Structures are given as C-alpha cells and as structure tokens.
Amino acid sequence: MSLISHAEKELKLAGFFNRKDMYNGEIEASVIELLKVFEKQNLSGAIAGTVVDLFKKLAMWEILQPLTGEDDEWNCRGESSFQNKRLYSVFKDGKDGRPYYLYAILWKYPNGACGAGRRHGIDSTQYIKSFPFVPKTFTIDIDEHENIKDMRSLYEAIAYYGISTTIKNTDESNTNKN
C-alpha cells in the first residue's frame, strides 16, 4: 500500500471525505497534496521522521533555537512597542523594556476549550525571566466555575516564568490542609 492510499483510507475512516462541513474538502485535499510531495522525496525512516518534525514545527511558526533577545531580533511596532521577529507572540514595551510571552498560560475548561486571560490574579501573558528563552505554554485545567483543578501545573508555570502573585484557589479539594 502506498502512503497516499494509506492516508486516503485513514481520512475516510476518520470521516473527512464524508463531511460536507469540513471546509469543502480542502483539509483532505491539502493533506494529500503535502503527502504527495513527501512521498516523491523517497526519504528513509530516520530522515523522514526528522523532516516531519522540522516541517511541523516550522509550519506552526515555532522556533528551532532559543530566542536571544538581541536588538536585531526585534521589530518596532509603533512608538514604543517591539515585537520579536522570530516569535510573533513575544513583545516588549520600549527598546529596553521587559519582554513578555502572550501564551505562557492557557486555561482549559472541562469541555476541552482553552482560553487566555486572567484567572485568580494570574494572567496568561507572562514576563520572560531571561535569555536565551524557549517559549513554553502551560495548560491549566479549570472547572466550570474557573477554579484551578490541579495546582501542580500552575506551580510549574510559576517556576518557569517567575510569576509573582498570591494564588487564591477557591476549590477546597486542592488546598493544603496542615
């Protein structure tokens, strides 16, 4: 079986070719088009895996090496706002301002939806402690009342970004009782 046949079979089993609401077939057509290019390259197993990993990262606008924070890495976006050229979700206010990452924390609801914003005094946007910097997004599970369900993930984010805030957790099951 060829890679294309395999992909078509799997896409059909997943219901992609049967759905009228799936962007008029553009998703499956795009996947098959990319796979045809990949198949033409006739790469061996180890190289193919590396190519797929690199392609995925670059297609998702991820960086391959840490940000340096050097002056040539920034674009001026108005009078006093600077945006990182390599990672568009990193900004700083002023040439010598403290840089911050927009997606340091995402809040995940029970239905699986994620959102940014402020919960319990903690913002999704966090300052970067130092360079070189590798962005990391922490997904924090919250309940339907926006209470933090598992404090461990939040503590990891605090350690990584140096968040300074008082954490109020209204969910009694997660509080330490001494």
Protein backbone atom coordinates (compact mmCIF):
# COMPACT_ATOMS: atom_id res chain seq x y z
CA MET A 1 0.00 0.00 0.00
CA SER A 2 1.33 3.46 -0.86
CA LEU A 3 1.49 6.36 1.57
CA ILE A 4 -1.28 8.12 -0.38
CA SER A 5 -3.56 5.05 -0.26
CA HIS A 6 -2.91 4.73 3.46
CA ALA A 7 -3.71 8.42 4.03
CA GLU A 8 -6.90 8.30 1.97
CA LYS A 9 -8.08 5.20 3.83
CA GLU A 10 -7.36 6.77 7.24
CA LEU A 11 -9.01 10.06 6.29
CA LYS A 12 -12.11 8.17 5.11
CA LEU A 13 -12.22 6.15 8.35
CA ALA A 14 -12.00 9.41 10.29
CA GLY A 15 -14.94 10.73 8.28
CA PHE A 16 -13.18 13.52 6.46
CA PHE A 17 -14.39 12.62 2.97
CA ASN A 18 -17.96 12.17 4.22
CA ARG A 19 -18.38 15.55 5.88
CA LYS A 20 -19.88 18.38 3.92
CA ASP A 21 -18.96 20.88 6.61
CA MET A 22 -15.19 20.21 6.55
CA TYR A 23 -14.15 23.26 4.57
CA ASN A 24 -15.50 21.79 1.30
CA GLY A 25 -12.86 19.06 1.21
CA GLU A 26 -9.93 21.47 1.48
CA ILE A 27 -8.45 19.75 4.54
CA GLU A 28 -8.14 16.31 3.00
CA ALA A 29 -7.01 17.77 -0.35
CA SER A 30 -4.28 19.78 1.42
CA VAL A 31 -3.08 16.76 3.39
CA ILE A 32 -2.94 14.57 0.27
CA GLU A 33 -1.07 17.31 -1.64
CA LEU A 34 1.57 17.58 1.09
CA LEU A 35 1.88 13.80 1.31
CA LYS A 36 2.43 13.55 -2.44
CA VAL A 37 5.42 15.91 -2.17
CA PHE A 38 6.69 13.97 0.85
CA GLU A 39 6.29 10.64 -0.96
CA LYS A 40 8.24 11.95 -4.01
CA GLN A 41 11.21 12.69 -1.77
CA ASN A 42 11.54 8.96 -1.00
CA LEU A 43 13.20 9.55 2.37
CA SER A 44 14.43 6.78 4.64
CA GLY A 45 12.82 6.22 8.05
CA ALA A 46 15.14 8.26 10.26
CA ILE A 47 15.44 11.16 7.82
CA ALA A 48 11.69 11.10 7.16
CA GLY A 49 11.00 11.46 10.89
CA THR A 50 13.35 14.43 11.17
CA VAL A 51 11.81 16.10 8.11
CA VAL A 52 8.29 15.61 9.53
CA ASP A 53 9.32 17.01 12.93
CA LEU A 54 11.00 20.06 11.39
CA PHE A 55 8.14 20.63 8.94
CA LYS A 56 5.56 20.52 11.72
CA LYS A 57 7.47 22.99 13.89
CA LEU A 58 8.14 25.43 11.07
CA ALA A 59 4.61 25.15 9.64
CA MET A 60 3.29 26.07 13.10
CA TRP A 61 5.67 29.09 13.28
CA GLU A 62 7.70 27.55 16.09
CA ILE A 63 11.36 28.37 16.65
CA LEU A 64 14.17 25.81 16.38
CA GLN A 65 16.66 27.60 18.62
CA PRO A 66 16.07 29.74 21.72
CA LEU A 67 15.37 33.44 21.33
CA THR A 68 18.42 35.56 22.05
CA GLY A 69 16.77 38.86 22.94
CA GLU A 70 19.41 40.70 20.90
CA ASP A 71 18.43 44.02 19.25
CA ASP A 72 18.35 42.54 15.73
CA GLU A 73 15.60 40.14 16.83
CA TRP A 74 13.02 42.93 17.30
CA ASN A 75 10.75 44.98 15.05
CA CYS A 76 9.46 48.33 16.22
CA ARG A 77 5.63 48.25 16.15
CA GLY A 78 4.70 51.86 16.73
CA GLU A 79 6.15 54.39 19.15
CA SER A 80 7.14 52.13 22.00
CA SER A 81 6.10 48.57 21.23
CA PHE A 82 8.52 45.95 19.92
CA GLN A 83 7.68 42.52 18.53
CA ASN A 84 10.11 39.63 18.20
CA LYS A 85 10.85 38.81 14.54
CA ARG A 86 11.27 35.09 15.18
CA LEU A 87 8.33 34.51 17.51
CA TYR A 88 5.43 36.89 16.95
CA SER A 89 3.89 36.20 20.36
CA VAL A 90 6.83 37.82 22.19
CA PHE A 91 6.72 41.59 22.79
CA LYS A 92 8.33 44.28 24.86
CA ASP A 93 7.31 47.83 25.67
CA GLY A 94 10.16 50.12 24.70
CA LYS A 95 13.60 49.31 23.34
CA ASP A 96 14.85 48.32 26.79
CA GLY A 97 11.50 47.08 28.08
CA ARG A 98 10.96 43.77 29.78
CA PRO A 99 9.90 41.13 27.21
CA TYR A 100 6.80 39.03 27.66
CA TYR A 101 5.21 35.96 26.08
CA LEU A 102 1.49 36.11 25.27
CA TYR A 103 0.71 32.39 25.65
CA ALA A 104 2.56 31.38 28.82
CA ILE A 105 -0.66 30.01 30.30
CA LEU A 106 -3.83 28.70 28.72
CA TRP A 107 -6.86 27.89 30.84
CA LYS A 108 -8.55 24.62 29.85
CA TYR A 109 -12.25 24.16 30.54
CA PRO A 110 -13.88 20.76 31.20
CA ASN A 111 -15.24 20.70 27.61
CA GLY A 112 -11.67 20.89 26.25
CA ALA A 113 -11.85 24.51 25.09
CA CYS A 114 -8.86 26.65 26.02
CA GLY A 115 -8.69 30.37 26.57
CA ALA A 116 -6.32 33.08 27.58
CA GLY A 117 -6.94 35.81 30.11
CA ARG A 118 -6.79 36.34 33.83
CA ARG A 119 -7.84 33.77 36.45
CA HIS A 120 -7.24 34.09 40.19
CA GLY A 121 -4.92 37.04 39.66
CA ILE A 122 -2.77 35.15 37.15
CA ASP A 123 -2.56 36.36 33.55
CA SER A 124 -1.90 34.20 30.50
CA THR A 125 0.76 36.70 29.42
CA GLN A 126 3.96 36.40 31.44
CA TYR A 127 7.30 38.16 31.53
CA ILE A 128 10.36 36.30 30.32
CA LYS A 129 12.89 35.76 33.11
CA SER A 130 15.99 35.72 30.91
CA PHE A 131 17.52 34.98 27.52
CA PRO A 132 18.15 32.66 25.84
CA PHE A 133 14.43 31.88 26.01
CA VAL A 134 12.43 28.89 24.86
CA PRO A 135 8.68 29.54 24.97
CA LYS A 136 6.60 27.15 26.98
CA THR A 137 2.83 27.18 27.26
CA PHE A 138 1.32 25.67 30.38
CA THR A 139 -2.24 24.39 30.10
CA ILE A 140 -4.01 24.68 33.44
CA ASP A 141 -7.21 22.69 33.94
CA ILE A 142 -10.06 24.66 35.47
CA ASP A 143 -13.57 23.62 36.40
CA GLU A 144 -16.84 25.14 35.19
CA HIS A 145 -16.52 27.83 37.91
CA GLU A 146 -12.95 28.62 36.77
CA ASN A 147 -11.36 27.11 39.87
CA ILE A 148 -7.94 25.61 39.28
CA LYS A 149 -8.24 21.82 39.36
CA ASP A 150 -4.57 20.81 39.66
CA MET A 151 -2.16 23.24 41.28
CA ARG A 152 0.95 21.29 40.14
CA SER A 153 0.70 22.62 36.58
CA LEU A 154 0.37 26.14 37.89
CA TYR A 155 3.39 25.70 40.16
CA GLU A 156 5.42 24.57 37.13
CA ALA A 157 4.40 27.75 35.28
CA ILE A 158 5.31 29.85 38.31
CA ALA A 159 8.76 28.24 38.44
CA TYR A 160 9.34 28.69 34.70
CA TYR A 161 8.17 32.31 34.42
CA GLY A 162 8.74 33.56 37.95
CA ILE A 163 5.13 34.65 38.38
CA SER A 164 4.79 36.78 41.46
CA THR A 165 1.24 36.72 42.74
CA THR A 166 -0.86 35.41 45.57
CA ILE A 167 -2.78 32.39 44.40
CA LYS A 168 -6.31 32.07 45.68
CA ASN A 169 -7.79 28.70 44.95
CA THR A 170 -11.46 28.50 45.85
CA ASP A 171 -11.63 24.76 45.20
CA GLU A 172 -11.34 23.18 48.66
CA SER A 173 -10.11 19.86 47.25
CA ASN A 174 -6.86 21.45 46.08
CA THR A 175 -5.89 23.40 49.16
CA ASN A 176 -3.24 22.14 51.53
CA LYS A 177 -4.56 21.32 54.96
CA ASN A 178 -1.94 21.26 57.71
